N, C-alpha and C. Protein backbone atom coordinates (compact mmCIF):
# COMPACT_ATOMS: atom_id res chain seq x y z
N UNK A 1 -3.77 3.42 -27.38
CA UNK A 1 -5.14 3.00 -27.19
C UNK A 1 -5.79 3.95 -26.20
N UNK A 2 -7.05 4.25 -26.44
CA UNK A 2 -7.83 5.09 -25.54
C UNK A 2 -8.62 4.20 -24.59
N UNK A 3 -8.53 4.51 -23.31
CA UNK A 3 -9.23 3.72 -22.30
C UNK A 3 -10.39 4.50 -21.74
N UNK A 4 -11.51 3.81 -21.49
CA UNK A 4 -12.65 4.51 -20.88
C UNK A 4 -12.34 4.85 -19.43
N UNK A 5 -13.09 5.77 -18.87
CA UNK A 5 -12.90 6.12 -17.46
C UNK A 5 -13.14 4.91 -16.58
N UNK A 6 -14.11 4.11 -16.97
CA UNK A 6 -14.42 2.90 -16.20
C UNK A 6 -14.33 1.68 -17.12
N UNK A 7 -13.40 0.82 -16.83
CA UNK A 7 -13.25 -0.41 -17.61
C UNK A 7 -14.28 -1.41 -17.10
N UNK A 8 -15.05 -1.97 -18.03
CA UNK A 8 -16.05 -2.95 -17.64
C UNK A 8 -16.06 -4.12 -18.63
N UNK A 9 -16.90 -5.12 -18.35
CA UNK A 9 -16.95 -6.31 -19.19
C UNK A 9 -17.32 -5.99 -20.63
N UNK A 10 -18.22 -5.05 -20.82
CA UNK A 10 -18.65 -4.72 -22.18
C UNK A 10 -17.49 -4.14 -22.99
N UNK A 11 -16.72 -3.27 -22.38
CA UNK A 11 -15.58 -2.69 -23.09
C UNK A 11 -14.56 -3.78 -23.39
N UNK A 12 -14.29 -4.62 -22.42
CA UNK A 12 -13.32 -5.70 -22.61
C UNK A 12 -13.79 -6.63 -23.73
N UNK A 13 -15.09 -6.96 -23.75
CA UNK A 13 -15.64 -7.86 -24.77
C UNK A 13 -15.54 -7.27 -26.17
N UNK A 14 -15.49 -5.95 -26.26
CA UNK A 14 -15.42 -5.30 -27.57
C UNK A 14 -14.01 -5.35 -28.19
N UNK A 15 -13.03 -5.78 -27.41
CA UNK A 15 -11.64 -5.80 -27.88
C UNK A 15 -11.31 -7.11 -28.58
N UNK A 16 -10.49 -7.01 -29.61
CA UNK A 16 -9.95 -8.21 -30.23
C UNK A 16 -8.89 -8.79 -29.29
N UNK A 17 -8.44 -9.99 -29.56
CA UNK A 17 -7.39 -10.59 -28.73
C UNK A 17 -6.14 -9.73 -28.71
N UNK A 18 -5.74 -9.24 -29.87
CA UNK A 18 -4.52 -8.41 -29.96
C UNK A 18 -4.70 -7.11 -29.18
N UNK A 19 -5.88 -6.49 -29.27
CA UNK A 19 -6.13 -5.25 -28.53
C UNK A 19 -6.13 -5.51 -27.03
N UNK A 20 -6.71 -6.63 -26.62
CA UNK A 20 -6.74 -6.97 -25.21
C UNK A 20 -5.33 -7.20 -24.68
N UNK A 21 -4.50 -7.90 -25.44
CA UNK A 21 -3.12 -8.11 -25.02
C UNK A 21 -2.37 -6.80 -24.93
N UNK A 22 -2.59 -5.91 -25.87
CA UNK A 22 -1.93 -4.60 -25.85
C UNK A 22 -2.39 -3.80 -24.63
N UNK A 23 -3.69 -3.79 -24.37
CA UNK A 23 -4.23 -3.06 -23.22
C UNK A 23 -3.65 -3.62 -21.92
N UNK A 24 -3.58 -4.94 -21.82
CA UNK A 24 -3.05 -5.56 -20.60
C UNK A 24 -1.61 -5.14 -20.37
N UNK A 25 -0.83 -5.14 -21.42
CA UNK A 25 0.58 -4.74 -21.31
C UNK A 25 0.72 -3.28 -20.89
N UNK A 26 -0.05 -2.40 -21.52
CA UNK A 26 0.02 -0.97 -21.19
C UNK A 26 -0.45 -0.69 -19.77
N UNK A 27 -1.57 -1.31 -19.39
CA UNK A 27 -2.11 -1.06 -18.06
C UNK A 27 -1.21 -1.63 -16.97
N UNK A 28 -0.55 -2.75 -17.26
CA UNK A 28 0.39 -3.31 -16.30
C UNK A 28 1.57 -2.35 -16.11
N UNK A 29 2.06 -1.78 -17.20
CA UNK A 29 3.17 -0.83 -17.11
C UNK A 29 2.77 0.40 -16.29
N UNK A 30 1.55 0.88 -16.49
CA UNK A 30 1.08 2.04 -15.72
C UNK A 30 0.98 1.70 -14.24
N UNK A 31 0.44 0.51 -13.94
CA UNK A 31 0.33 0.08 -12.55
C UNK A 31 1.72 -0.08 -11.94
N UNK A 32 2.63 -0.71 -12.66
CA UNK A 32 3.98 -0.94 -12.15
C UNK A 32 4.68 0.38 -11.83
N UNK A 33 4.45 1.39 -12.65
CA UNK A 33 5.04 2.71 -12.41
C UNK A 33 4.49 3.31 -11.11
N UNK A 34 3.19 3.25 -10.94
CA UNK A 34 2.56 3.76 -9.72
C UNK A 34 3.05 2.98 -8.49
N UNK A 35 3.14 1.66 -8.65
CA UNK A 35 3.56 0.82 -7.53
C UNK A 35 5.01 1.11 -7.13
N UNK A 36 5.87 1.29 -8.09
CA UNK A 36 7.27 1.60 -7.81
C UNK A 36 7.40 2.90 -7.04
N UNK A 37 6.65 3.91 -7.47
CA UNK A 37 6.69 5.20 -6.77
C UNK A 37 6.22 5.05 -5.33
N UNK A 38 5.14 4.29 -5.14
CA UNK A 38 4.60 4.12 -3.79
C UNK A 38 5.55 3.31 -2.91
N UNK A 39 6.19 2.30 -3.48
CA UNK A 39 7.15 1.50 -2.71
C UNK A 39 8.34 2.35 -2.30
N UNK A 40 8.78 3.24 -3.18
CA UNK A 40 9.88 4.14 -2.83
C UNK A 40 9.46 5.09 -1.71
N UNK A 41 8.24 5.55 -1.79
CA UNK A 41 7.72 6.51 -0.80
C UNK A 41 7.48 5.84 0.55
N UNK A 42 6.91 4.64 0.55
CA UNK A 42 6.50 3.99 1.80
C UNK A 42 7.48 2.96 2.33
N UNK A 43 8.37 2.47 1.49
CA UNK A 43 9.35 1.48 1.93
C UNK A 43 8.69 0.23 2.49
N UNK A 44 9.13 -0.16 3.68
CA UNK A 44 8.63 -1.38 4.32
C UNK A 44 7.16 -1.27 4.70
N UNK A 45 6.63 -0.07 4.70
CA UNK A 45 5.22 0.13 5.07
C UNK A 45 4.28 0.08 3.88
N UNK A 46 4.81 -0.30 2.72
CA UNK A 46 3.99 -0.37 1.51
C UNK A 46 2.87 -1.40 1.69
N UNK A 47 1.67 -1.02 1.32
CA UNK A 47 0.50 -1.91 1.33
C UNK A 47 -0.40 -1.46 0.18
N UNK A 48 -0.52 -2.30 -0.82
CA UNK A 48 -1.29 -1.95 -2.01
C UNK A 48 -2.68 -1.43 -1.68
N UNK A 49 -3.39 -2.13 -0.84
CA UNK A 49 -4.77 -1.76 -0.56
C UNK A 49 -4.92 -0.56 0.37
N UNK A 50 -3.81 -0.08 0.90
CA UNK A 50 -3.84 1.14 1.72
C UNK A 50 -3.12 2.29 1.03
N UNK A 51 -2.83 2.07 -0.23
CA UNK A 51 -2.12 3.10 -1.00
C UNK A 51 -3.07 4.18 -1.47
N UNK A 52 -2.52 5.16 -2.17
CA UNK A 52 -3.35 6.26 -2.68
C UNK A 52 -4.33 5.75 -3.75
N UNK A 53 -5.35 6.53 -3.99
CA UNK A 53 -6.39 6.14 -4.95
C UNK A 53 -5.82 5.85 -6.33
N UNK A 54 -4.84 6.63 -6.77
CA UNK A 54 -4.26 6.42 -8.10
C UNK A 54 -3.65 5.02 -8.22
N UNK A 55 -3.01 4.56 -7.16
CA UNK A 55 -2.39 3.24 -7.16
C UNK A 55 -3.45 2.14 -7.21
N UNK A 56 -4.43 2.22 -6.35
CA UNK A 56 -5.45 1.17 -6.32
C UNK A 56 -6.30 1.18 -7.60
N UNK A 57 -6.55 2.35 -8.16
CA UNK A 57 -7.29 2.44 -9.42
C UNK A 57 -6.49 1.81 -10.56
N UNK A 58 -5.19 2.08 -10.59
CA UNK A 58 -4.33 1.48 -11.62
C UNK A 58 -4.31 -0.04 -11.49
N UNK A 59 -4.25 -0.53 -10.26
CA UNK A 59 -4.27 -1.97 -10.03
C UNK A 59 -5.60 -2.57 -10.48
N UNK A 60 -6.71 -1.93 -10.15
CA UNK A 60 -8.03 -2.45 -10.52
C UNK A 60 -8.19 -2.51 -12.03
N UNK A 61 -7.81 -1.46 -12.71
CA UNK A 61 -7.92 -1.43 -14.18
C UNK A 61 -7.08 -2.54 -14.80
N UNK A 62 -5.84 -2.67 -14.34
CA UNK A 62 -4.97 -3.71 -14.88
C UNK A 62 -5.50 -5.10 -14.54
N UNK A 63 -5.92 -5.32 -13.31
CA UNK A 63 -6.34 -6.66 -12.91
C UNK A 63 -7.58 -7.13 -13.68
N UNK A 64 -8.50 -6.22 -13.96
CA UNK A 64 -9.68 -6.60 -14.73
C UNK A 64 -9.30 -7.05 -16.14
N UNK A 65 -8.42 -6.30 -16.77
CA UNK A 65 -7.98 -6.65 -18.12
C UNK A 65 -7.10 -7.89 -18.08
N UNK A 66 -6.27 -8.02 -17.07
CA UNK A 66 -5.41 -9.20 -16.93
C UNK A 66 -6.25 -10.47 -16.77
N UNK A 67 -7.26 -10.41 -15.94
CA UNK A 67 -8.14 -11.57 -15.75
C UNK A 67 -8.84 -11.95 -17.05
N UNK A 68 -9.28 -10.97 -17.81
CA UNK A 68 -9.94 -11.24 -19.09
C UNK A 68 -8.97 -11.86 -20.09
N UNK A 69 -7.73 -11.38 -20.05
CA UNK A 69 -6.70 -11.91 -20.95
C UNK A 69 -6.48 -13.39 -20.65
N UNK A 70 -6.33 -13.71 -19.38
CA UNK A 70 -6.13 -15.11 -18.99
C UNK A 70 -7.36 -15.95 -19.29
N UNK A 71 -8.55 -15.39 -19.11
CA UNK A 71 -9.78 -16.13 -19.38
C UNK A 71 -9.89 -16.51 -20.86
N UNK A 72 -9.32 -15.68 -21.73
CA UNK A 72 -9.31 -15.99 -23.16
C UNK A 72 -8.16 -16.92 -23.53
N UNK A 73 -7.34 -17.25 -22.56
CA UNK A 73 -6.21 -18.14 -22.83
C UNK A 73 -5.05 -17.46 -23.54
N UNK A 74 -4.96 -16.16 -23.39
CA UNK A 74 -3.90 -15.38 -24.05
C UNK A 74 -2.75 -15.14 -23.09
N UNK A 75 -1.59 -14.92 -23.65
CA UNK A 75 -0.45 -14.55 -22.83
C UNK A 75 0.05 -13.19 -23.29
N UNK A 76 0.77 -12.53 -22.39
CA UNK A 76 1.28 -11.19 -22.68
C UNK A 76 2.76 -11.18 -22.36
N UNK A 77 3.52 -10.58 -23.25
CA UNK A 77 4.96 -10.40 -23.00
C UNK A 77 5.14 -8.99 -22.48
N UNK A 78 5.81 -8.90 -21.34
CA UNK A 78 6.01 -7.59 -20.72
C UNK A 78 7.34 -7.00 -21.12
N UNK A 79 7.33 -5.66 -21.23
CA UNK A 79 8.58 -4.94 -21.47
C UNK A 79 9.37 -4.90 -20.18
N UNK A 80 10.67 -5.01 -20.28
CA UNK A 80 11.52 -4.96 -19.08
C UNK A 80 11.86 -3.57 -18.71
């Protein structure tokens, strides 16, 4: 799936339920990868909101889509 530079309500509203679930799963995986790298780098000093821009941007993109997914009453199965 191709994601816009800026995820917004209009883009989210244009997605079908299946597309939204897929986007949520992919964006969560991207965020989790960034978060894992930052946790390895910072250890006990890890703080999401004080992390690098790439980490906070990944979290924001995922959280917006995640909130929309939950608002539609959908669930997502994550890959392990």
